[in-house]
């Protein structure tokens, strides 16, 4: 499929940025990189549930990092141009993450998604699958839109033993 859609098999910035900060923090553990591809949002959630099941079979602590940008159309000088709905999209996604509300993510208007010019909805749906059904807490640490692109940082903690 990578050849068909002309996708590079090299790690992209969505992987390299988190890996850079893990390395900088001194992380020396094992890593498994998973590329999201273009699966439908519902399948991304299901894929996350499968990863949750695999994690549940391990006797190790595991961290999952889901990386992706929000809207690419927040300002006139944004890389994908401006669309006033970009900020609306970002607000809805950040609210859904803060409330662990997968239904809100999966029910976003397809036209809004397209107008926002996003690339982080699939990783967010995947993450909601990893967390789905577990007793988890969410904390949005920051949101900003430099360069006309939305960036949110959130932390999710699962109750010990789940």
Protein backbone atom coordinates (compact mmCIF):
# COMPACT_ATOMS: atom_id res chain seq x y z
CA UNK A 1 0.00 0.00 0.00
CA UNK A 2 2.87 2.37 0.68
CA UNK A 3 3.91 2.15 -2.98
CA UNK A 4 0.33 2.54 -4.22
CA UNK A 5 -0.24 5.71 -2.20
CA UNK A 6 3.39 6.88 -2.50
CA UNK A 7 3.94 6.91 1.25
CA UNK A 8 7.47 6.92 2.54
CA UNK A 9 8.50 4.08 4.81
CA UNK A 10 10.86 6.45 6.64
CA UNK A 11 9.88 7.73 10.07
CA UNK A 12 8.11 11.08 9.75
CA UNK A 13 8.03 14.04 12.13
CA UNK A 14 5.01 12.50 13.90
CA UNK A 15 7.35 9.76 15.11
CA UNK A 16 10.65 11.63 15.20
CA UNK A 17 9.50 14.45 17.48
CA UNK A 18 8.30 12.17 20.33
CA UNK A 19 11.34 9.92 19.86
CA UNK A 20 13.64 12.95 20.08
CA UNK A 21 12.13 14.03 23.40
CA UNK A 22 12.19 10.49 24.79
CA UNK A 23 15.88 10.24 23.89
CA UNK A 24 16.60 13.69 25.34
CA UNK A 25 14.91 12.63 28.60
CA UNK A 26 17.19 9.60 28.81
CA UNK A 27 14.66 6.90 27.90
CA UNK A 28 16.42 3.60 27.27
CA UNK A 29 13.46 1.20 27.13
CA UNK A 30 12.01 -0.79 24.28
CA UNK A 31 9.97 0.93 21.58
CA UNK A 32 7.39 -0.22 19.08
CA UNK A 33 6.54 2.29 16.35
CA UNK A 34 3.15 1.96 14.68
CA UNK A 35 2.21 4.04 11.63
CA UNK A 36 -1.44 5.00 11.44
CA UNK A 37 -2.04 4.83 7.71
CA UNK A 38 -5.40 5.91 6.40
CA UNK A 39 -7.78 3.53 8.14
CA UNK A 40 -11.24 4.96 8.81
CA UNK A 41 -11.63 6.57 12.23
CA UNK A 42 -13.76 3.73 13.61
CA UNK A 43 -11.13 1.20 12.55
CA UNK A 44 -8.44 3.28 14.25
CA UNK A 45 -10.46 3.01 17.47
CA UNK A 46 -10.76 -0.77 16.98
CA UNK A 47 -7.03 -0.99 16.29
CA UNK A 48 -6.45 0.82 19.58
CA UNK A 49 -8.65 -1.73 21.37
CA UNK A 50 -6.51 -4.52 19.86
CA UNK A 51 -3.37 -2.82 21.16
CA UNK A 52 -5.04 -2.47 24.56
CA UNK A 53 -5.68 -6.25 24.56
CA UNK A 54 -2.04 -6.94 23.63
CA UNK A 55 -0.82 -4.64 26.41
CA UNK A 56 -3.11 -6.45 28.84
CA UNK A 57 -1.30 -9.72 28.11
CA UNK A 58 2.05 -8.24 29.11
CA UNK A 59 3.46 -8.05 32.58
CA UNK A 60 5.08 -4.66 31.96
CA UNK A 61 4.26 -1.00 32.33
CA UNK A 62 3.54 0.50 28.94
CA UNK A 63 3.28 4.05 27.67
CA UNK A 64 1.44 4.86 24.45
CA UNK A 65 2.26 8.07 22.60
CA UNK A 66 -0.17 9.24 19.94
CA UNK A 67 1.24 12.07 17.86
CA UNK A 68 -0.40 14.26 15.25
CA UNK A 69 -1.27 17.86 14.52
CA UNK A 70 -4.71 19.38 14.78
CA UNK A 71 -5.94 21.96 12.25
CA UNK A 72 -3.46 23.24 9.68
CA UNK A 73 -5.70 26.20 8.84
CA UNK A 74 -5.79 28.45 11.91
CA UNK A 75 -4.31 31.64 10.45
CA UNK A 76 -3.90 33.42 7.13
CA UNK A 77 -0.26 32.32 6.95
CA UNK A 78 -1.00 28.68 7.85
CA UNK A 79 0.66 26.05 5.63
CA UNK A 80 -2.70 24.90 4.25
CA UNK A 81 -4.31 28.33 4.06
CA UNK A 82 -6.95 29.74 6.42
CA UNK A 83 -10.34 28.36 7.30
CA UNK A 84 -12.30 29.80 10.23
CA UNK A 85 -13.54 26.31 11.09
CA UNK A 86 -10.00 25.18 11.95
CA UNK A 87 -10.26 26.68 15.44
CA UNK A 88 -13.70 25.08 15.91
CA UNK A 89 -12.26 21.68 15.00
CA UNK A 90 -9.36 22.08 17.41
CA UNK A 91 -11.68 23.10 20.26
CA UNK A 92 -13.95 20.07 19.68
CA UNK A 93 -11.03 17.63 19.54
CA UNK A 94 -9.32 19.07 22.63
CA UNK A 95 -12.65 18.94 24.52
CA UNK A 96 -13.21 15.33 23.43
CA UNK A 97 -9.72 14.36 24.60
CA UNK A 98 -10.17 16.16 27.92
CA UNK A 99 -13.43 14.27 28.49
CA UNK A 100 -12.26 10.93 27.04
CA UNK A 101 -15.24 11.24 24.69
CA UNK A 102 -14.61 8.91 21.76
CA UNK A 103 -18.17 9.41 20.48
CA UNK A 104 -17.48 13.12 20.04
CA UNK A 105 -14.39 12.30 17.96
CA UNK A 106 -16.13 9.67 15.85
CA UNK A 107 -19.15 11.91 15.25
CA UNK A 108 -17.26 14.97 14.00
CA UNK A 109 -18.78 16.39 10.83
CA UNK A 110 -16.73 15.11 7.84
CA UNK A 111 -16.98 18.55 6.23
CA UNK A 112 -15.51 20.15 9.39
CA UNK A 113 -12.67 17.61 9.38
CA UNK A 114 -11.88 18.40 5.74
CA UNK A 115 -12.09 22.17 6.24
CA UNK A 116 -9.76 21.99 9.26
CA UNK A 117 -7.00 20.31 7.25
CA UNK A 118 -6.08 18.04 10.14
CA UNK A 119 -3.74 15.06 10.41
CA UNK A 120 -4.10 14.06 14.07
CA UNK A 121 -7.63 12.69 14.29
CA UNK A 122 -6.64 9.10 13.49
CA UNK A 123 -3.98 8.95 16.24
CA UNK A 124 -6.54 10.45 18.67
CA UNK A 125 -9.11 7.78 17.75
CA UNK A 126 -6.43 5.11 18.14
CA UNK A 127 -5.53 6.44 21.58
CA UNK A 128 -9.19 6.46 22.63
CA UNK A 129 -9.29 2.78 21.65
CA UNK A 130 -6.23 2.02 23.78
CA UNK A 131 -7.99 3.75 26.71
CA UNK A 132 -11.53 2.56 25.92
CA UNK A 133 -13.29 0.86 28.83
CA UNK A 134 -10.44 1.51 31.25
CA UNK A 135 -10.66 3.78 34.26
CA UNK A 136 -8.59 6.66 32.96
CA UNK A 137 -8.05 10.32 33.71
CA UNK A 138 -7.24 12.96 31.13
CA UNK A 139 -5.41 16.24 31.56
CA UNK A 140 -4.89 18.71 28.74
CA UNK A 141 -1.53 20.31 29.47
CA UNK A 142 -1.42 22.86 26.67
CA UNK A 143 -2.89 24.04 23.41
CA UNK A 144 -1.34 26.51 21.00
CA UNK A 145 -1.50 27.38 17.33
CA UNK A 146 1.87 28.75 16.22
CA UNK A 147 2.51 28.78 12.50
CA UNK A 148 -1.25 28.36 11.93
CA UNK A 149 -1.18 24.72 13.08
CA UNK A 150 -2.94 23.49 16.22
CA UNK A 151 -0.92 21.58 18.80
CA UNK A 152 -2.34 20.06 21.96
CA UNK A 153 -0.47 18.15 24.64
CA UNK A 154 -2.49 15.89 26.89
CA UNK A 155 -1.67 13.24 29.45
CA UNK A 156 -3.80 10.19 30.13
CA UNK A 157 -3.35 8.04 33.20
CA UNK A 158 -4.89 4.61 33.61
CA UNK A 159 -5.61 3.28 37.08
CA UNK A 160 -2.91 0.88 38.21
CA UNK A 161 -3.77 -2.73 37.49
CA UNK A 162 -5.83 -2.04 34.35
